[in-house]
């Protein structure tokens, strides 16, 4: 089980469904209707904000890699 799957297990069913929809959208490259922002100090690293949740991912030559999923707190972007 990788880090992303393990993080998804910590959420409730409705939260998990919403996060999976976001992940599918990111992986497909369809960034419409997502609140995306580039993270300062990082090249090609972005976050998607959905309520109290954050999905951090990077893009490199058209390849998207999920880095972290979690609830917003003081250590959300410390990866």
N, C-alpha and C. Protein backbone atom coordinates (compact mmCIF):
# COMPACT_ATOMS: atom_id res chain seq x y z
N UNK A 1 0.85 -1.17 0.00
CA UNK A 1 0.00 0.00 0.00
C UNK A 1 0.90 1.24 0.00
N UNK A 2 0.67 2.14 -0.96
CA UNK A 2 1.51 3.32 -1.01
C UNK A 2 0.98 4.41 -0.09
N UNK A 3 1.70 5.52 -0.04
CA UNK A 3 1.39 6.61 0.89
C UNK A 3 0.03 7.25 0.60
N UNK A 4 -0.32 7.38 -0.66
CA UNK A 4 -1.59 8.00 -1.03
C UNK A 4 -2.77 7.11 -0.62
N UNK A 5 -2.68 5.82 -0.88
CA UNK A 5 -3.74 4.90 -0.49
C UNK A 5 -3.91 4.86 1.02
N UNK A 6 -2.80 4.91 1.72
CA UNK A 6 -2.85 4.90 3.18
C UNK A 6 -3.51 6.17 3.71
N UNK A 7 -3.21 7.30 3.09
CA UNK A 7 -3.82 8.57 3.51
C UNK A 7 -5.33 8.56 3.24
N UNK A 8 -5.74 7.98 2.13
CA UNK A 8 -7.17 7.92 1.81
C UNK A 8 -7.96 7.09 2.82
N UNK A 9 -7.33 6.08 3.40
CA UNK A 9 -8.00 5.22 4.37
C UNK A 9 -8.38 5.97 5.65
N UNK A 10 -7.72 7.10 5.92
CA UNK A 10 -7.99 7.86 7.14
C UNK A 10 -9.26 8.69 7.05
N UNK A 11 -9.81 8.85 5.84
CA UNK A 11 -10.98 9.69 5.64
C UNK A 11 -12.24 8.86 5.63
N UNK A 12 -13.37 9.53 5.86
CA UNK A 12 -14.67 8.88 5.80
C UNK A 12 -15.04 8.58 4.36
N UNK A 13 -16.11 7.84 4.17
CA UNK A 13 -16.51 7.39 2.83
C UNK A 13 -16.82 8.55 1.89
N UNK A 14 -17.60 9.53 2.36
CA UNK A 14 -17.96 10.65 1.49
C UNK A 14 -16.74 11.50 1.15
N UNK A 15 -15.84 11.68 2.12
CA UNK A 15 -14.61 12.43 1.87
C UNK A 15 -13.73 11.69 0.87
N UNK A 16 -13.65 10.37 1.02
CA UNK A 16 -12.84 9.55 0.13
C UNK A 16 -13.35 9.63 -1.31
N UNK A 17 -14.66 9.62 -1.49
CA UNK A 17 -15.24 9.71 -2.84
C UNK A 17 -14.89 11.05 -3.47
N UNK A 18 -15.00 12.14 -2.71
CA UNK A 18 -14.68 13.48 -3.24
C UNK A 18 -13.20 13.57 -3.61
N UNK A 19 -12.33 13.03 -2.75
CA UNK A 19 -10.90 13.08 -3.03
C UNK A 19 -10.53 12.23 -4.24
N UNK A 20 -11.18 11.08 -4.39
CA UNK A 20 -10.90 10.22 -5.55
C UNK A 20 -11.30 10.91 -6.85
N UNK A 21 -12.40 11.67 -6.83
CA UNK A 21 -12.81 12.43 -8.02
C UNK A 21 -11.74 13.46 -8.39
N UNK A 22 -11.19 14.13 -7.38
CA UNK A 22 -10.14 15.11 -7.62
C UNK A 22 -8.90 14.43 -8.19
N UNK A 23 -8.53 13.29 -7.62
CA UNK A 23 -7.34 12.56 -8.08
C UNK A 23 -7.50 12.13 -9.53
N UNK A 24 -8.68 11.63 -9.89
CA UNK A 24 -8.93 11.22 -11.27
C UNK A 24 -8.82 12.41 -12.21
N UNK A 25 -9.34 13.56 -11.78
CA UNK A 25 -9.27 14.76 -12.59
C UNK A 25 -7.82 15.20 -12.79
N UNK A 26 -7.02 15.15 -11.73
CA UNK A 26 -5.62 15.53 -11.82
C UNK A 26 -4.87 14.58 -12.75
N UNK A 27 -5.05 13.29 -12.56
CA UNK A 27 -4.36 12.29 -13.37
C UNK A 27 -4.72 12.39 -14.85
N UNK A 28 -5.97 12.79 -15.15
CA UNK A 28 -6.38 12.91 -16.54
C UNK A 28 -5.90 14.21 -17.17
N UNK A 29 -5.41 15.14 -16.35
CA UNK A 29 -4.94 16.42 -16.87
C UNK A 29 -6.04 17.44 -17.04
N UNK A 30 -7.23 17.14 -16.54
CA UNK A 30 -8.37 18.05 -16.62
C UNK A 30 -8.40 18.90 -15.35
N UNK A 31 -7.82 20.10 -15.41
CA UNK A 31 -7.72 20.95 -14.23
C UNK A 31 -8.85 21.97 -14.13
N UNK A 32 -9.87 21.85 -14.99
CA UNK A 32 -10.98 22.80 -14.92
C UNK A 32 -11.79 22.56 -13.65
N UNK A 33 -12.30 23.63 -13.10
CA UNK A 33 -13.12 23.60 -11.88
C UNK A 33 -12.35 23.15 -10.64
N UNK A 34 -11.01 23.23 -10.68
CA UNK A 34 -10.20 22.91 -9.51
C UNK A 34 -9.48 24.17 -9.05
N UNK A 35 -9.37 24.34 -7.74
CA UNK A 35 -8.65 25.48 -7.17
C UNK A 35 -7.18 25.09 -7.05
N UNK A 36 -6.40 25.41 -8.08
CA UNK A 36 -4.99 25.01 -8.15
C UNK A 36 -4.10 26.22 -7.94
N UNK A 37 -3.02 26.01 -7.18
CA UNK A 37 -2.05 27.07 -6.97
C UNK A 37 -0.65 26.45 -6.93
N UNK A 38 0.31 27.12 -7.55
CA UNK A 38 1.70 26.66 -7.52
C UNK A 38 2.28 26.96 -6.15
N UNK A 39 3.03 26.03 -5.60
CA UNK A 39 3.63 26.24 -4.28
C UNK A 39 4.94 26.99 -4.41
N UNK A 40 5.14 27.99 -3.56
CA UNK A 40 6.36 28.79 -3.58
C UNK A 40 7.56 27.93 -3.21
N UNK A 41 8.68 28.18 -3.85
CA UNK A 41 9.92 27.49 -3.52
C UNK A 41 10.05 26.12 -4.13
N UNK A 42 9.08 25.70 -4.92
CA UNK A 42 9.13 24.39 -5.55
C UNK A 42 8.89 24.55 -7.05
N UNK A 43 9.61 23.78 -7.83
CA UNK A 43 9.39 23.78 -9.27
C UNK A 43 8.35 22.73 -9.62
N UNK A 44 7.32 23.13 -10.35
CA UNK A 44 6.30 22.21 -10.84
C UNK A 44 5.55 21.47 -9.74
N UNK A 45 5.39 22.07 -8.57
CA UNK A 45 4.61 21.46 -7.49
C UNK A 45 3.41 22.36 -7.24
N UNK A 46 2.22 21.73 -7.22
CA UNK A 46 0.97 22.46 -7.10
C UNK A 46 0.12 21.85 -6.00
N UNK A 47 -0.88 22.61 -5.55
CA UNK A 47 -1.84 22.08 -4.60
C UNK A 47 -3.25 22.34 -5.14
N UNK A 48 -4.14 21.43 -4.83
CA UNK A 48 -5.56 21.60 -5.12
C UNK A 48 -6.26 21.75 -3.79
N UNK A 49 -7.06 22.78 -3.67
CA UNK A 49 -7.78 23.04 -2.43
C UNK A 49 -9.25 22.69 -2.64
N UNK A 50 -9.77 21.85 -1.77
CA UNK A 50 -11.19 21.47 -1.80
C UNK A 50 -11.68 21.46 -0.37
N UNK A 51 -12.28 22.56 0.05
CA UNK A 51 -12.72 22.66 1.43
C UNK A 51 -11.56 22.60 2.38
N UNK A 52 -11.60 21.67 3.31
CA UNK A 52 -10.51 21.53 4.29
C UNK A 52 -9.43 20.55 3.83
N UNK A 53 -9.53 20.05 2.60
CA UNK A 53 -8.58 19.07 2.10
C UNK A 53 -7.60 19.69 1.12
N UNK A 54 -6.40 19.13 1.06
CA UNK A 54 -5.38 19.56 0.12
C UNK A 54 -4.79 18.34 -0.57
N UNK A 55 -4.64 18.44 -1.88
CA UNK A 55 -3.97 17.40 -2.66
C UNK A 55 -2.77 18.07 -3.30
N UNK A 56 -1.58 17.60 -2.99
CA UNK A 56 -0.34 18.17 -3.51
C UNK A 56 0.18 17.22 -4.59
N UNK A 57 0.54 17.81 -5.74
CA UNK A 57 1.03 17.00 -6.84
C UNK A 57 2.08 17.76 -7.62
N UNK A 58 2.86 17.03 -8.41
CA UNK A 58 3.85 17.65 -9.27
C UNK A 58 3.64 17.21 -10.70
N UNK A 59 4.09 18.03 -11.62
CA UNK A 59 4.02 17.69 -13.04
C UNK A 59 5.42 17.79 -13.61
N UNK A 60 5.77 16.84 -14.45
CA UNK A 60 7.09 16.86 -15.09
C UNK A 60 6.96 16.20 -16.45
N UNK A 61 7.15 16.97 -17.49
CA UNK A 61 7.07 16.49 -18.87
C UNK A 61 5.75 15.78 -19.15
N UNK A 62 4.65 16.34 -18.67
CA UNK A 62 3.33 15.77 -18.91
C UNK A 62 2.95 14.64 -17.97
N UNK A 63 3.85 14.24 -17.09
CA UNK A 63 3.57 13.17 -16.12
C UNK A 63 3.19 13.81 -14.78
N UNK A 64 2.08 13.36 -14.22
CA UNK A 64 1.59 13.89 -12.95
C UNK A 64 1.85 12.87 -11.84
N UNK A 65 2.43 13.36 -10.74
CA UNK A 65 2.73 12.50 -9.60
C UNK A 65 2.08 13.08 -8.35
N UNK A 66 1.28 12.29 -7.66
CA UNK A 66 0.68 12.73 -6.40
C UNK A 66 1.73 12.66 -5.30
N UNK A 67 1.81 13.71 -4.51
CA UNK A 67 2.80 13.78 -3.44
C UNK A 67 2.16 13.55 -2.08
N UNK A 68 1.04 14.24 -1.83
CA UNK A 68 0.42 14.12 -0.51
C UNK A 68 -1.06 14.46 -0.58
N UNK A 69 -1.81 13.89 0.35
CA UNK A 69 -3.23 14.19 0.54
C UNK A 69 -3.43 14.37 2.04
N UNK A 70 -4.17 15.41 2.42
CA UNK A 70 -4.42 15.58 3.84
C UNK A 70 -5.35 16.73 4.13
N UNK A 71 -5.71 16.83 5.39
CA UNK A 71 -6.50 17.96 5.85
C UNK A 71 -5.57 19.14 6.05
N UNK A 72 -6.10 20.33 5.89
CA UNK A 72 -5.30 21.54 6.05
C UNK A 72 -4.93 21.72 7.51
N UNK A 73 -3.64 21.90 7.78
CA UNK A 73 -3.15 22.24 9.11
C UNK A 73 -1.81 22.95 8.96
N UNK A 74 -1.11 23.18 10.04
CA UNK A 74 0.15 23.92 9.99
C UNK A 74 1.27 23.19 9.27
N UNK A 75 1.16 21.88 9.14
CA UNK A 75 2.23 21.09 8.50
C UNK A 75 1.81 20.50 7.15
N UNK A 76 0.78 21.01 6.55
CA UNK A 76 0.26 20.46 5.31
C UNK A 76 1.31 20.44 4.22
N UNK A 77 2.07 21.50 4.08
CA UNK A 77 3.01 21.61 2.97
C UNK A 77 4.43 21.25 3.32
N UNK A 78 4.65 20.58 4.44
CA UNK A 78 5.98 20.12 4.84
C UNK A 78 6.15 18.68 4.38
N UNK A 79 6.62 18.52 3.16
CA UNK A 79 6.83 17.16 2.63
C UNK A 79 8.23 16.99 2.16
